[in-house]
N, C-alpha and C. Protein backbone atom coordinates (compact mmCIF):
# COMPACT_ATOMS: atom_id res chain seq x y z
N MET A 1 -46.49 77.06 -19.24
CA MET A 1 -45.51 77.60 -20.16
C MET A 1 -46.13 77.71 -21.56
N LYS A 2 -45.90 78.81 -22.22
CA LYS A 2 -46.45 79.05 -23.56
C LYS A 2 -45.70 78.23 -24.60
N LYS A 3 -46.44 77.53 -25.46
CA LYS A 3 -45.84 76.71 -26.50
C LYS A 3 -45.38 77.59 -27.67
N LEU A 4 -44.18 77.31 -28.18
CA LEU A 4 -43.65 78.07 -29.32
C LEU A 4 -44.47 77.79 -30.58
N GLN A 5 -44.84 78.85 -31.29
CA GLN A 5 -45.57 78.70 -32.54
C GLN A 5 -44.62 78.75 -33.73
N SER A 6 -43.64 79.67 -33.68
CA SER A 6 -42.68 79.77 -34.76
C SER A 6 -41.29 80.03 -34.18
N VAL A 7 -40.30 79.63 -34.94
CA VAL A 7 -38.90 79.77 -34.53
C VAL A 7 -38.11 80.27 -35.73
N MET A 8 -36.85 80.65 -35.50
CA MET A 8 -35.99 81.12 -36.57
C MET A 8 -34.93 80.06 -36.87
N CYS A 9 -34.73 79.78 -38.14
CA CYS A 9 -33.68 78.86 -38.56
C CYS A 9 -32.33 79.50 -38.27
N CYS A 10 -31.47 78.79 -37.54
CA CYS A 10 -30.16 79.35 -37.17
C CYS A 10 -29.19 79.40 -38.35
N PHE A 11 -29.54 78.82 -39.48
CA PHE A 11 -28.66 78.84 -40.65
C PHE A 11 -29.09 79.86 -41.69
N CYS A 12 -30.37 79.93 -42.02
CA CYS A 12 -30.81 80.87 -43.06
C CYS A 12 -31.51 82.10 -42.50
N GLY A 13 -31.92 82.07 -41.23
CA GLY A 13 -32.56 83.22 -40.61
C GLY A 13 -34.05 83.35 -40.88
N GLU A 14 -34.61 82.44 -41.67
CA GLU A 14 -36.04 82.50 -41.97
C GLU A 14 -36.86 81.88 -40.85
N SER A 15 -38.10 82.31 -40.76
CA SER A 15 -39.03 81.78 -39.77
C SER A 15 -39.63 80.47 -40.27
N LEU A 16 -39.91 79.57 -39.33
CA LEU A 16 -40.62 78.34 -39.67
C LEU A 16 -41.43 77.91 -38.47
N ALA A 17 -42.44 77.10 -38.71
CA ALA A 17 -43.28 76.60 -37.62
C ALA A 17 -42.44 75.70 -36.71
N HIS A 18 -42.62 75.86 -35.41
CA HIS A 18 -41.88 75.05 -34.44
C HIS A 18 -42.08 73.57 -34.72
N LYS A 19 -43.30 73.17 -35.06
CA LYS A 19 -43.60 71.75 -35.31
C LYS A 19 -42.85 71.19 -36.51
N ASP A 20 -42.37 72.05 -37.41
CA ASP A 20 -41.65 71.62 -38.61
C ASP A 20 -40.14 71.74 -38.48
N SER A 21 -39.68 72.21 -37.33
CA SER A 21 -38.25 72.49 -37.18
C SER A 21 -37.46 71.27 -36.67
N VAL A 22 -36.16 71.33 -36.91
CA VAL A 22 -35.21 70.40 -36.31
C VAL A 22 -34.59 71.16 -35.15
N GLU A 23 -34.62 70.58 -33.96
CA GLU A 23 -34.00 71.24 -32.81
C GLU A 23 -32.60 70.69 -32.61
N ILE A 24 -31.65 71.59 -32.50
CA ILE A 24 -30.24 71.23 -32.34
C ILE A 24 -29.82 71.72 -30.95
N THR A 25 -29.30 70.83 -30.13
CA THR A 25 -28.82 71.21 -28.81
C THR A 25 -27.31 71.25 -28.83
N ILE A 26 -26.74 72.37 -28.40
CA ILE A 26 -25.29 72.51 -28.35
C ILE A 26 -24.86 72.70 -26.90
N SER A 27 -23.71 72.19 -26.57
CA SER A 27 -23.17 72.35 -25.23
C SER A 27 -21.65 72.27 -25.28
N MET A 28 -21.03 72.80 -24.26
CA MET A 28 -19.58 72.73 -24.11
C MET A 28 -19.27 71.50 -23.25
N SER A 29 -18.22 70.79 -23.59
CA SER A 29 -17.89 69.57 -22.85
C SER A 29 -17.47 69.87 -21.41
N ASN A 30 -17.02 71.09 -21.14
CA ASN A 30 -16.58 71.43 -19.80
C ASN A 30 -17.62 72.24 -19.02
N SER A 31 -18.87 72.20 -19.44
CA SER A 31 -19.93 72.98 -18.81
C SER A 31 -21.24 72.19 -18.85
N GLU A 32 -22.11 72.47 -17.88
CA GLU A 32 -23.43 71.84 -17.88
C GLU A 32 -24.45 72.68 -18.64
N GLU A 33 -24.03 73.85 -19.14
CA GLU A 33 -24.94 74.71 -19.88
C GLU A 33 -25.15 74.17 -21.29
N SER A 34 -26.34 74.41 -21.80
CA SER A 34 -26.65 74.03 -23.19
C SER A 34 -27.60 75.06 -23.77
N GLN A 35 -27.72 75.03 -25.09
CA GLN A 35 -28.61 75.95 -25.78
C GLN A 35 -29.30 75.19 -26.90
N GLY A 36 -30.58 75.44 -27.08
CA GLY A 36 -31.33 74.85 -28.18
C GLY A 36 -31.42 75.81 -29.34
N LEU A 37 -31.13 75.33 -30.52
CA LEU A 37 -31.26 76.10 -31.76
C LEU A 37 -32.23 75.36 -32.66
N PHE A 38 -32.80 76.05 -33.63
CA PHE A 38 -33.77 75.44 -34.55
C PHE A 38 -33.33 75.65 -35.98
N SER A 39 -33.71 74.73 -36.85
CA SER A 39 -33.38 74.89 -38.25
C SER A 39 -34.37 74.14 -39.12
N HIS A 40 -34.33 74.48 -40.41
CA HIS A 40 -35.01 73.66 -41.41
C HIS A 40 -34.15 72.40 -41.59
N GLY A 41 -34.78 71.28 -41.86
CA GLY A 41 -34.02 70.06 -42.14
C GLY A 41 -33.10 70.24 -43.34
N LYS A 42 -33.60 70.92 -44.37
CA LYS A 42 -32.80 71.12 -45.59
C LYS A 42 -31.58 71.99 -45.31
N CYS A 43 -31.70 72.96 -44.42
CA CYS A 43 -30.56 73.82 -44.08
C CYS A 43 -29.51 73.04 -43.30
N LEU A 44 -29.95 72.19 -42.37
CA LEU A 44 -29.02 71.37 -41.61
C LEU A 44 -28.26 70.45 -42.55
N LYS A 45 -28.96 69.81 -43.46
CA LYS A 45 -28.29 68.91 -44.41
C LYS A 45 -27.31 69.65 -45.30
N LYS A 46 -27.61 70.90 -45.63
CA LYS A 46 -26.75 71.69 -46.50
C LYS A 46 -25.41 72.02 -45.83
N VAL A 47 -25.42 72.26 -44.52
CA VAL A 47 -24.19 72.67 -43.83
C VAL A 47 -23.37 71.52 -43.27
N LEU A 48 -23.99 70.37 -43.06
CA LEU A 48 -23.25 69.22 -42.55
C LEU A 48 -22.41 68.60 -43.66
N HIS A 49 -21.24 68.14 -43.30
CA HIS A 49 -20.40 67.42 -44.26
C HIS A 49 -21.15 66.17 -44.70
N LYS A 50 -21.02 65.80 -45.95
CA LYS A 50 -21.78 64.66 -46.51
C LYS A 50 -21.46 63.34 -45.83
N GLU A 51 -20.33 63.24 -45.15
CA GLU A 51 -19.96 62.00 -44.45
C GLU A 51 -20.52 61.93 -43.03
N VAL A 52 -21.12 63.02 -42.55
CA VAL A 52 -21.71 63.01 -41.21
C VAL A 52 -23.07 62.34 -41.27
N PRO A 53 -23.25 61.23 -40.56
CA PRO A 53 -24.55 60.54 -40.61
C PRO A 53 -25.61 61.30 -39.81
N ILE A 54 -26.82 61.32 -40.33
CA ILE A 54 -27.96 61.89 -39.62
C ILE A 54 -28.88 60.72 -39.29
N GLY A 55 -29.08 60.45 -38.02
CA GLY A 55 -29.85 59.28 -37.58
C GLY A 55 -31.33 59.51 -37.46
N ILE A 56 -31.82 60.69 -37.88
CA ILE A 56 -33.25 60.97 -37.83
C ILE A 56 -33.71 61.45 -39.20
N ASP A 57 -35.02 61.41 -39.42
CA ASP A 57 -35.59 61.83 -40.70
C ASP A 57 -35.78 63.35 -40.70
N VAL A 58 -34.81 64.08 -41.23
CA VAL A 58 -34.93 65.54 -41.29
C VAL A 58 -35.58 66.00 -42.59
N ASP A 59 -35.90 65.08 -43.48
CA ASP A 59 -36.56 65.43 -44.74
C ASP A 59 -38.06 65.52 -44.59
N ASN A 60 -38.59 65.11 -43.47
CA ASN A 60 -40.03 65.06 -43.26
C ASN A 60 -40.53 66.38 -42.70
N GLU A 61 -40.37 67.46 -43.46
CA GLU A 61 -40.86 68.78 -43.06
C GLU A 61 -42.22 69.04 -43.69
N ASN A 62 -43.07 69.72 -42.96
CA ASN A 62 -44.40 70.06 -43.46
C ASN A 62 -44.47 71.51 -43.89
N GLU A 63 -43.43 71.97 -44.59
CA GLU A 63 -43.36 73.37 -45.00
C GLU A 63 -44.30 73.63 -46.18
N THR A 64 -44.75 74.88 -46.24
CA THR A 64 -45.65 75.27 -47.34
C THR A 64 -44.93 76.10 -48.39
N ASN A 65 -43.64 76.41 -48.21
CA ASN A 65 -42.94 77.23 -49.21
C ASN A 65 -42.03 76.42 -50.06
């Protein structure tokens, strides 16, 4: 299987390196289907309510921009 080199942020639409992305998995509670989405850590933090805890380090991005 070919490894992803770049992905699109589902919030801002910009491209970023797969290795620098946050992967978000979404699923419906009444289905076994799921979908993976990617984002910048900063974009995820921007859209989440400030009271929602994030249990991983999403600030550790290796972006060059």
